[in-house]
Amino acid sequence: MKIPMRQCSACRGHFEKRQLLRIVRTPDGDVLLDQRGKVSGRGVYICRSEECLNKAVKTRALSRALEAPVSDETIESIRQAIRESANG
């Protein structure tokens, strides 16, 4: 069986889909963290590391990929999810 692979928008590395976090812009225009990977809309993937998140924010890779601005609240929720995955 083939394993789904996705590219981190920050470091550009290819990883298994389940190893990455998905951020999605819904059809309504909301940008949010998609914990289960099932929300419909335009998605972008990043590694579960604050280093990749910081790089994606600095280079505006998330905003470009989603074609929408990413709020500070969304960035903070992603940061929190990264910390939780590192601890648990």
N, C-alpha and C. Protein backbone atom coordinates (compact mmCIF):
# COMPACT_ATOMS: atom_id res chain seq x y z
N MET A 1 0.84 -1.19 0.00
CA MET A 1 0.00 0.00 0.00
C MET A 1 0.88 1.25 0.00
N LYS A 2 0.50 2.22 -0.80
CA LYS A 2 1.28 3.44 -0.92
C LYS A 2 0.94 4.41 0.22
N ILE A 3 1.98 5.02 0.80
CA ILE A 3 1.79 5.96 1.90
C ILE A 3 1.68 7.37 1.33
N PRO A 4 0.59 8.11 1.71
CA PRO A 4 0.46 9.48 1.20
C PRO A 4 1.57 10.39 1.70
N MET A 5 2.21 11.11 0.79
CA MET A 5 3.30 12.01 1.13
C MET A 5 2.87 13.45 0.84
N ARG A 6 3.36 14.39 1.67
CA ARG A 6 3.08 15.81 1.48
C ARG A 6 4.37 16.58 1.70
N GLN A 7 4.40 17.82 1.19
CA GLN A 7 5.59 18.65 1.31
C GLN A 7 5.34 19.75 2.34
N CYS A 8 6.30 19.94 3.24
CA CYS A 8 6.24 21.04 4.21
C CYS A 8 6.46 22.34 3.45
N SER A 9 5.58 23.30 3.65
CA SER A 9 5.70 24.56 2.91
C SER A 9 6.84 25.43 3.42
N ALA A 10 7.41 25.09 4.57
CA ALA A 10 8.53 25.88 5.11
C ALA A 10 9.88 25.31 4.69
N CYS A 11 10.15 24.06 5.06
CA CYS A 11 11.46 23.48 4.77
C CYS A 11 11.50 22.75 3.43
N ARG A 12 10.33 22.56 2.81
CA ARG A 12 10.18 21.92 1.50
C ARG A 12 10.51 20.43 1.51
N GLY A 13 10.65 19.84 2.70
CA GLY A 13 10.90 18.41 2.79
C GLY A 13 9.63 17.60 2.56
N HIS A 14 9.77 16.37 2.09
CA HIS A 14 8.63 15.49 1.86
C HIS A 14 8.52 14.50 3.02
N PHE A 15 7.31 14.39 3.57
CA PHE A 15 7.07 13.54 4.73
C PHE A 15 5.74 12.82 4.56
N GLU A 16 5.53 11.80 5.41
CA GLU A 16 4.23 11.14 5.43
C GLU A 16 3.20 12.16 5.89
N LYS A 17 2.03 12.10 5.28
CA LYS A 17 0.96 13.05 5.57
C LYS A 17 0.65 13.16 7.06
N ARG A 18 0.63 12.03 7.76
CA ARG A 18 0.26 12.03 9.18
C ARG A 18 1.34 12.66 10.08
N GLN A 19 2.54 12.85 9.57
CA GLN A 19 3.61 13.47 10.36
C GLN A 19 3.52 14.99 10.35
N LEU A 20 2.70 15.55 9.47
CA LEU A 20 2.63 17.00 9.29
C LEU A 20 1.33 17.57 9.86
N LEU A 21 1.33 18.88 10.08
CA LEU A 21 0.12 19.60 10.47
C LEU A 21 -0.50 20.20 9.23
N ARG A 22 -1.82 20.19 9.16
CA ARG A 22 -2.53 20.77 8.01
C ARG A 22 -3.23 22.04 8.45
N ILE A 23 -3.00 23.10 7.72
CA ILE A 23 -3.71 24.36 7.92
C ILE A 23 -4.59 24.52 6.70
N VAL A 24 -5.84 24.91 6.91
CA VAL A 24 -6.79 24.95 5.81
C VAL A 24 -7.52 26.28 5.76
N ARG A 25 -7.80 26.74 4.54
CA ARG A 25 -8.68 27.88 4.33
C ARG A 25 -10.00 27.29 3.86
N THR A 26 -11.03 27.46 4.66
CA THR A 26 -12.34 26.89 4.35
C THR A 26 -12.99 27.66 3.20
N PRO A 27 -14.02 27.10 2.59
CA PRO A 27 -14.73 27.83 1.53
C PRO A 27 -15.29 29.17 2.01
N ASP A 28 -15.53 29.32 3.33
CA ASP A 28 -16.01 30.58 3.90
C ASP A 28 -14.90 31.61 4.05
N GLY A 29 -13.63 31.18 3.89
CA GLY A 29 -12.50 32.09 4.00
C GLY A 29 -11.80 32.05 5.35
N ASP A 30 -12.29 31.20 6.26
CA ASP A 30 -11.64 31.07 7.58
C ASP A 30 -10.36 30.24 7.43
N VAL A 31 -9.31 30.64 8.15
CA VAL A 31 -8.06 29.88 8.16
C VAL A 31 -7.94 29.24 9.53
N LEU A 32 -7.78 27.90 9.55
CA LEU A 32 -7.72 27.21 10.83
C LEU A 32 -6.86 25.97 10.75
N LEU A 33 -6.48 25.47 11.93
CA LEU A 33 -5.69 24.25 12.03
C LEU A 33 -6.64 23.07 11.86
N ASP A 34 -6.32 22.17 10.98
CA ASP A 34 -7.14 20.99 10.71
C ASP A 34 -6.48 19.79 11.37
N GLN A 35 -6.90 19.49 12.60
CA GLN A 35 -6.28 18.41 13.37
C GLN A 35 -6.47 17.04 12.74
N ARG A 36 -7.64 16.79 12.14
CA ARG A 36 -7.94 15.46 11.61
C ARG A 36 -7.65 15.33 10.11
N GLY A 37 -7.41 16.44 9.44
CA GLY A 37 -7.12 16.39 8.01
C GLY A 37 -8.34 16.14 7.15
N LYS A 38 -9.51 16.46 7.66
CA LYS A 38 -10.75 16.17 6.94
C LYS A 38 -11.54 17.40 6.53
N VAL A 39 -11.15 18.59 6.99
CA VAL A 39 -11.89 19.81 6.69
C VAL A 39 -11.74 20.13 5.21
N SER A 40 -12.85 20.49 4.57
CA SER A 40 -12.77 20.80 3.15
C SER A 40 -12.22 22.21 2.96
N GLY A 41 -11.48 22.39 1.90
CA GLY A 41 -10.90 23.68 1.60
C GLY A 41 -9.48 23.53 1.11
N ARG A 42 -8.82 24.66 0.93
CA ARG A 42 -7.44 24.69 0.43
C ARG A 42 -6.50 24.47 1.60
N GLY A 43 -5.69 23.42 1.52
CA GLY A 43 -4.82 23.07 2.63
C GLY A 43 -3.35 23.25 2.33
N VAL A 44 -2.59 23.42 3.40
CA VAL A 44 -1.14 23.52 3.31
C VAL A 44 -0.58 22.75 4.51
N TYR A 45 0.58 22.14 4.33
CA TYR A 45 1.17 21.31 5.37
C TYR A 45 2.48 21.91 5.87
N ILE A 46 2.72 21.76 7.18
CA ILE A 46 4.02 22.14 7.75
C ILE A 46 4.44 21.07 8.75
N CYS A 47 5.74 20.99 8.98
CA CYS A 47 6.30 20.06 9.96
C CYS A 47 5.80 20.41 11.35
N ARG A 48 5.87 19.46 12.23
CA ARG A 48 5.48 19.69 13.62
C ARG A 48 6.67 20.23 14.40
N SER A 49 7.22 21.35 13.93
CA SER A 49 8.32 21.99 14.63
C SER A 49 8.13 23.50 14.61
N GLU A 50 8.48 24.13 15.72
CA GLU A 50 8.34 25.59 15.78
C GLU A 50 9.29 26.26 14.80
N GLU A 51 10.40 25.62 14.51
CA GLU A 51 11.36 26.16 13.54
C GLU A 51 10.70 26.31 12.17
N CYS A 52 9.98 25.28 11.73
CA CYS A 52 9.30 25.36 10.42
C CYS A 52 8.14 26.35 10.48
N LEU A 53 7.43 26.41 11.59
CA LEU A 53 6.34 27.37 11.72
C LEU A 53 6.89 28.79 11.63
N ASN A 54 7.96 29.07 12.36
CA ASN A 54 8.56 30.40 12.33
C ASN A 54 9.02 30.78 10.92
N LYS A 55 9.62 29.81 10.22
CA LYS A 55 10.08 30.07 8.86
C LYS A 55 8.89 30.33 7.94
N ALA A 56 7.82 29.55 8.09
CA ALA A 56 6.63 29.72 7.25
C ALA A 56 5.97 31.08 7.48
N VAL A 57 5.98 31.55 8.74
CA VAL A 57 5.41 32.86 9.06
C VAL A 57 6.30 33.97 8.48
N LYS A 58 7.61 33.83 8.70
CA LYS A 58 8.56 34.85 8.26
C LYS A 58 8.54 35.03 6.73
N THR A 59 8.47 33.91 6.02
CA THR A 59 8.49 33.97 4.56
C THR A 59 7.09 34.11 3.96
N ARG A 60 6.09 34.15 4.82
CA ARG A 60 4.68 34.23 4.41
C ARG A 60 4.26 33.07 3.52
N ALA A 61 4.89 31.92 3.74
CA ALA A 61 4.59 30.72 2.93
C ALA A 61 3.15 30.26 3.15
N LEU A 62 2.66 30.34 4.39
CA LEU A 62 1.28 29.90 4.67
C LEU A 62 0.28 30.80 3.95
N SER A 63 0.45 32.10 4.08
CA SER A 63 -0.47 33.05 3.44
C SER A 63 -0.47 32.87 1.93
N ARG A 64 0.70 32.68 1.35
CA ARG A 64 0.79 32.50 -0.10
C ARG A 64 0.10 31.21 -0.53
N ALA A 65 0.37 30.13 0.17
CA ALA A 65 -0.20 28.83 -0.20
C ALA A 65 -1.73 28.82 -0.02
N LEU A 66 -2.20 29.49 1.02
CA LEU A 66 -3.64 29.51 1.30
C LEU A 66 -4.36 30.62 0.54
N GLU A 67 -3.58 31.52 -0.03
CA GLU A 67 -4.14 32.69 -0.72
C GLU A 67 -5.06 33.49 0.19
N ALA A 68 -4.64 33.60 1.46
CA ALA A 68 -5.41 34.34 2.47
C ALA A 68 -4.48 34.69 3.63
N PRO A 69 -4.75 35.79 4.33
CA PRO A 69 -3.92 36.12 5.49
C PRO A 69 -4.17 35.13 6.63
N VAL A 70 -3.11 34.85 7.38
CA VAL A 70 -3.21 33.94 8.53
C VAL A 70 -3.10 34.79 9.79
N SER A 71 -4.13 34.74 10.63
CA SER A 71 -4.18 35.59 11.82
C SER A 71 -3.18 35.14 12.88
N ASP A 72 -2.85 36.06 13.78
CA ASP A 72 -1.96 35.75 14.90
C ASP A 72 -2.57 34.66 15.78
N GLU A 73 -3.91 34.66 15.93
CA GLU A 73 -4.58 33.64 16.75
C GLU A 73 -4.39 32.26 16.14
N THR A 74 -4.48 32.17 14.82
CA THR A 74 -4.28 30.89 14.15
C THR A 74 -2.84 30.42 14.31
N ILE A 75 -1.89 31.34 14.16
CA ILE A 75 -0.48 31.01 14.34
C ILE A 75 -0.24 30.48 15.75
N GLU A 76 -0.87 31.14 16.73
CA GLU A 76 -0.70 30.71 18.13
C GLU A 76 -1.32 29.34 18.37
N SER A 77 -2.46 29.05 17.75
CA SER A 77 -3.07 27.73 17.92
C SER A 77 -2.21 26.64 17.28
N ILE A 78 -1.56 26.96 16.16
CA ILE A 78 -0.64 26.02 15.53
C ILE A 78 0.57 25.79 16.43
N ARG A 79 1.10 26.87 16.99
CA ARG A 79 2.23 26.78 17.90
C ARG A 79 1.89 25.89 19.11
N GLN A 80 0.69 26.06 19.64
CA GLN A 80 0.23 25.26 20.78
C GLN A 80 0.12 23.79 20.39
N ALA A 81 -0.40 23.51 19.21
CA ALA A 81 -0.53 22.12 18.74
C ALA A 81 0.85 21.48 18.58
N ILE A 82 1.82 22.24 18.12
CA ILE A 82 3.19 21.74 17.98
C ILE A 82 3.76 21.38 19.36
N ARG A 83 3.55 22.26 20.32
CA ARG A 83 4.04 22.01 21.68
C ARG A 83 3.37 20.78 22.30
N GLU A 84 2.06 20.64 22.07
CA GLU A 84 1.34 19.49 22.62
C GLU A 84 1.81 18.20 21.97
N SER A 85 2.08 18.20 20.67
CA SER A 85 2.54 16.99 20.02
C SER A 85 3.95 16.61 20.47
N ALA A 86 4.74 17.62 20.85
CA ALA A 86 6.09 17.34 21.35
C ALA A 86 6.05 16.76 22.76
N ASN A 87 5.05 17.15 23.53
CA ASN A 87 4.93 16.68 24.91
C ASN A 87 4.16 15.37 25.03
N GLY A 88 3.37 15.04 24.05
CA GLY A 88 2.54 13.87 24.21
C GLY A 88 2.62 12.96 23.08
